[in-house]
Amino acid sequence: MGNRRQIEQRVIQAAESALYRQQYVSPLDVLLGIGSLKFTDMQDWKKGRVPYLERVIQGSLGKISYAMKCFRSWAHQKGLKPSKTAYFAKIKGPKRDLQFSKSGDPTIEKAYRTHYVSPILAEKK
């Protein structure tokens, strides 16, 4: 992923693109957009075939953490509204929360579950 400046530029580009397309942006949108997450790996995780998302994210933990920090900073500067989102495995039977991090740390889980919504869309709801 290169140096920090490149990471930051790629994160902003991915986030802007997702926001333009759907009026909100999630960490998954950014990870897909910067190439650190393959769509097929994300689908496997959503179907409960992968125990936690970080297992299939590509790149060092340091780079991914920095990318997520850049994303949250960008969202804050844009005045986007944070919105906690539930993620459930697409499986038969009882609903099961999907896990993002290996540790299951609540702070990390919350960060991954937070989508940032356009203030215009937030007002409509």
Protein backbone atom coordinates (compact mmCIF):
# COMPACT_ATOMS: atom_id res chain seq x y z
CA MET A 1 0.00 0.00 0.00
CA GLY A 2 2.96 2.34 0.00
CA ASN A 3 3.59 5.28 2.27
CA ARG A 4 1.14 7.07 4.55
CA ARG A 5 0.35 9.84 2.08
CA GLN A 6 -0.57 7.27 -0.59
CA ILE A 7 -2.72 5.36 1.90
CA GLU A 8 -4.52 8.55 2.89
CA GLN A 9 -5.17 9.51 -0.77
CA ARG A 10 -6.50 6.03 -1.60
CA VAL A 11 -8.76 6.02 1.48
CA ILE A 12 -10.22 9.43 0.58
CA GLN A 13 -10.76 8.39 -3.04
CA ALA A 14 -12.52 5.15 -1.99
CA ALA A 15 -14.63 6.95 0.63
CA GLU A 16 -15.65 9.79 -1.72
CA SER A 17 -16.63 7.25 -4.38
CA ALA A 18 -18.81 5.22 -1.98
CA LEU A 19 -20.41 8.37 -0.53
CA TYR A 20 -21.25 9.65 -4.02
CA ARG A 21 -22.70 6.27 -5.01
CA GLN A 22 -24.83 5.53 -1.94
CA GLN A 23 -24.98 8.62 0.34
CA TYR A 24 -23.11 6.78 3.13
CA VAL A 25 -19.75 5.08 3.52
CA SER A 26 -18.63 2.17 5.67
CA PRO A 27 -15.23 0.76 6.64
CA LEU A 28 -16.01 -2.18 4.31
CA ASP A 29 -16.47 0.26 1.40
CA VAL A 30 -13.05 1.75 2.13
CA LEU A 31 -11.31 -1.62 2.56
CA LEU A 32 -12.80 -2.82 -0.73
CA GLY A 33 -11.94 0.48 -2.43
CA ILE A 34 -8.29 0.47 -1.41
CA GLY A 35 -7.87 -3.18 -2.37
CA SER A 36 -7.31 -4.52 1.14
CA LEU A 37 -10.45 -6.65 1.02
CA LYS A 38 -11.63 -8.87 -1.81
CA PHE A 39 -15.38 -8.88 -2.51
CA THR A 40 -15.45 -12.71 -2.47
CA ASP A 41 -13.71 -12.79 0.95
CA MET A 42 -16.24 -10.28 2.31
CA GLN A 43 -19.11 -12.45 0.99
CA ASP A 44 -17.61 -15.54 2.66
CA TRP A 45 -17.40 -13.62 5.95
CA LYS A 46 -21.00 -12.40 5.62
CA LYS A 47 -22.11 -16.01 5.07
CA GLY A 48 -20.36 -17.08 8.27
CA ARG A 49 -17.58 -19.03 6.51
CA VAL A 50 -14.82 -16.81 7.94
CA PRO A 51 -14.69 -16.42 11.76
CA TYR A 52 -13.73 -12.71 11.71
CA LEU A 53 -13.17 -10.16 8.95
CA GLU A 54 -9.58 -9.25 9.87
CA ARG A 55 -8.58 -12.79 8.88
CA VAL A 56 -9.20 -11.96 5.18
CA ILE A 57 -8.12 -8.30 5.16
CA GLN A 58 -4.84 -7.89 3.31
CA GLY A 59 -2.09 -5.60 4.56
CA SER A 60 -0.34 -5.15 7.88
CA LEU A 61 -2.37 -4.28 10.96
CA GLY A 62 -0.48 -0.97 11.13
CA LYS A 63 -1.48 0.03 7.60
CA ILE A 64 -5.09 -1.03 8.08
CA SER A 65 -5.31 0.84 11.39
CA TYR A 66 -3.86 3.94 9.74
CA ALA A 67 -6.30 3.64 6.82
CA MET A 68 -9.25 3.41 9.25
CA LYS A 69 -7.93 6.40 11.20
CA CYS A 70 -7.73 8.41 7.94
CA PHE A 71 -11.28 7.31 7.07
CA ARG A 72 -12.75 8.44 10.42
CA SER A 73 -10.87 11.75 10.20
CA TRP A 74 -12.13 12.33 6.64
CA ALA A 75 -15.73 11.52 7.69
CA HIS A 76 -15.50 13.93 10.62
CA GLN A 77 -14.11 16.73 8.40
CA LYS A 78 -16.94 16.15 5.89
CA GLY A 79 -19.52 16.53 8.67
CA LEU A 80 -20.88 13.04 8.11
CA LYS A 81 -23.10 11.54 10.80
CA PRO A 82 -21.84 8.35 12.48
CA SER A 83 -24.41 5.55 12.50
CA LYS A 84 -23.83 2.21 14.24
CA THR A 85 -24.92 -0.63 11.97
CA ALA A 86 -25.73 -4.24 12.84
CA TYR A 87 -24.01 -6.98 10.87
CA PHE A 88 -25.58 -10.43 10.98
CA ALA A 89 -24.38 -13.58 9.27
CA LYS A 90 -26.50 -14.53 6.27
CA ILE A 91 -27.18 -18.05 7.47
CA LYS A 92 -30.19 -20.22 8.21
CA GLY A 93 -31.27 -20.42 11.82
CA PRO A 94 -30.87 -17.87 14.63
CA LYS A 95 -29.32 -14.48 13.89
CA ARG A 96 -25.62 -14.35 14.63
CA ASP A 97 -23.57 -11.18 14.95
CA LEU A 98 -20.61 -11.05 12.61
CA GLN A 99 -17.22 -10.43 14.18
CA PHE A 100 -14.75 -8.03 12.61
CA SER A 101 -11.63 -8.36 14.76
CA LYS A 102 -9.74 -11.40 16.00
CA SER A 103 -9.87 -10.04 19.56
CA GLY A 104 -13.56 -9.09 19.47
CA ASP A 105 -12.58 -5.90 21.33
CA PRO A 106 -15.76 -3.75 21.66
CA THR A 107 -13.95 -0.55 20.60
CA ILE A 108 -12.61 -2.15 17.41
CA GLU A 109 -15.96 -3.82 16.67
CA LYS A 110 -17.78 -0.49 17.11
CA ALA A 111 -15.35 1.27 14.75
CA TYR A 112 -15.96 -1.33 12.02
CA ARG A 113 -19.74 -1.20 12.54
CA THR A 114 -19.92 2.58 12.22
CA HIS A 115 -21.14 3.88 8.88
CA TYR A 116 -20.91 7.58 8.06
CA VAL A 117 -24.04 9.04 6.55
CA SER A 118 -24.50 12.15 4.44
CA PRO A 119 -26.15 14.85 6.60
CA ILE A 120 -28.77 15.25 3.84
CA LEU A 121 -29.72 11.58 4.13
CA ALA A 122 -29.65 11.75 7.94
CA GLU A 123 -32.21 14.60 7.84
CA LYS A 124 -34.58 12.62 5.61
CA LYS A 125 -34.83 9.75 8.09
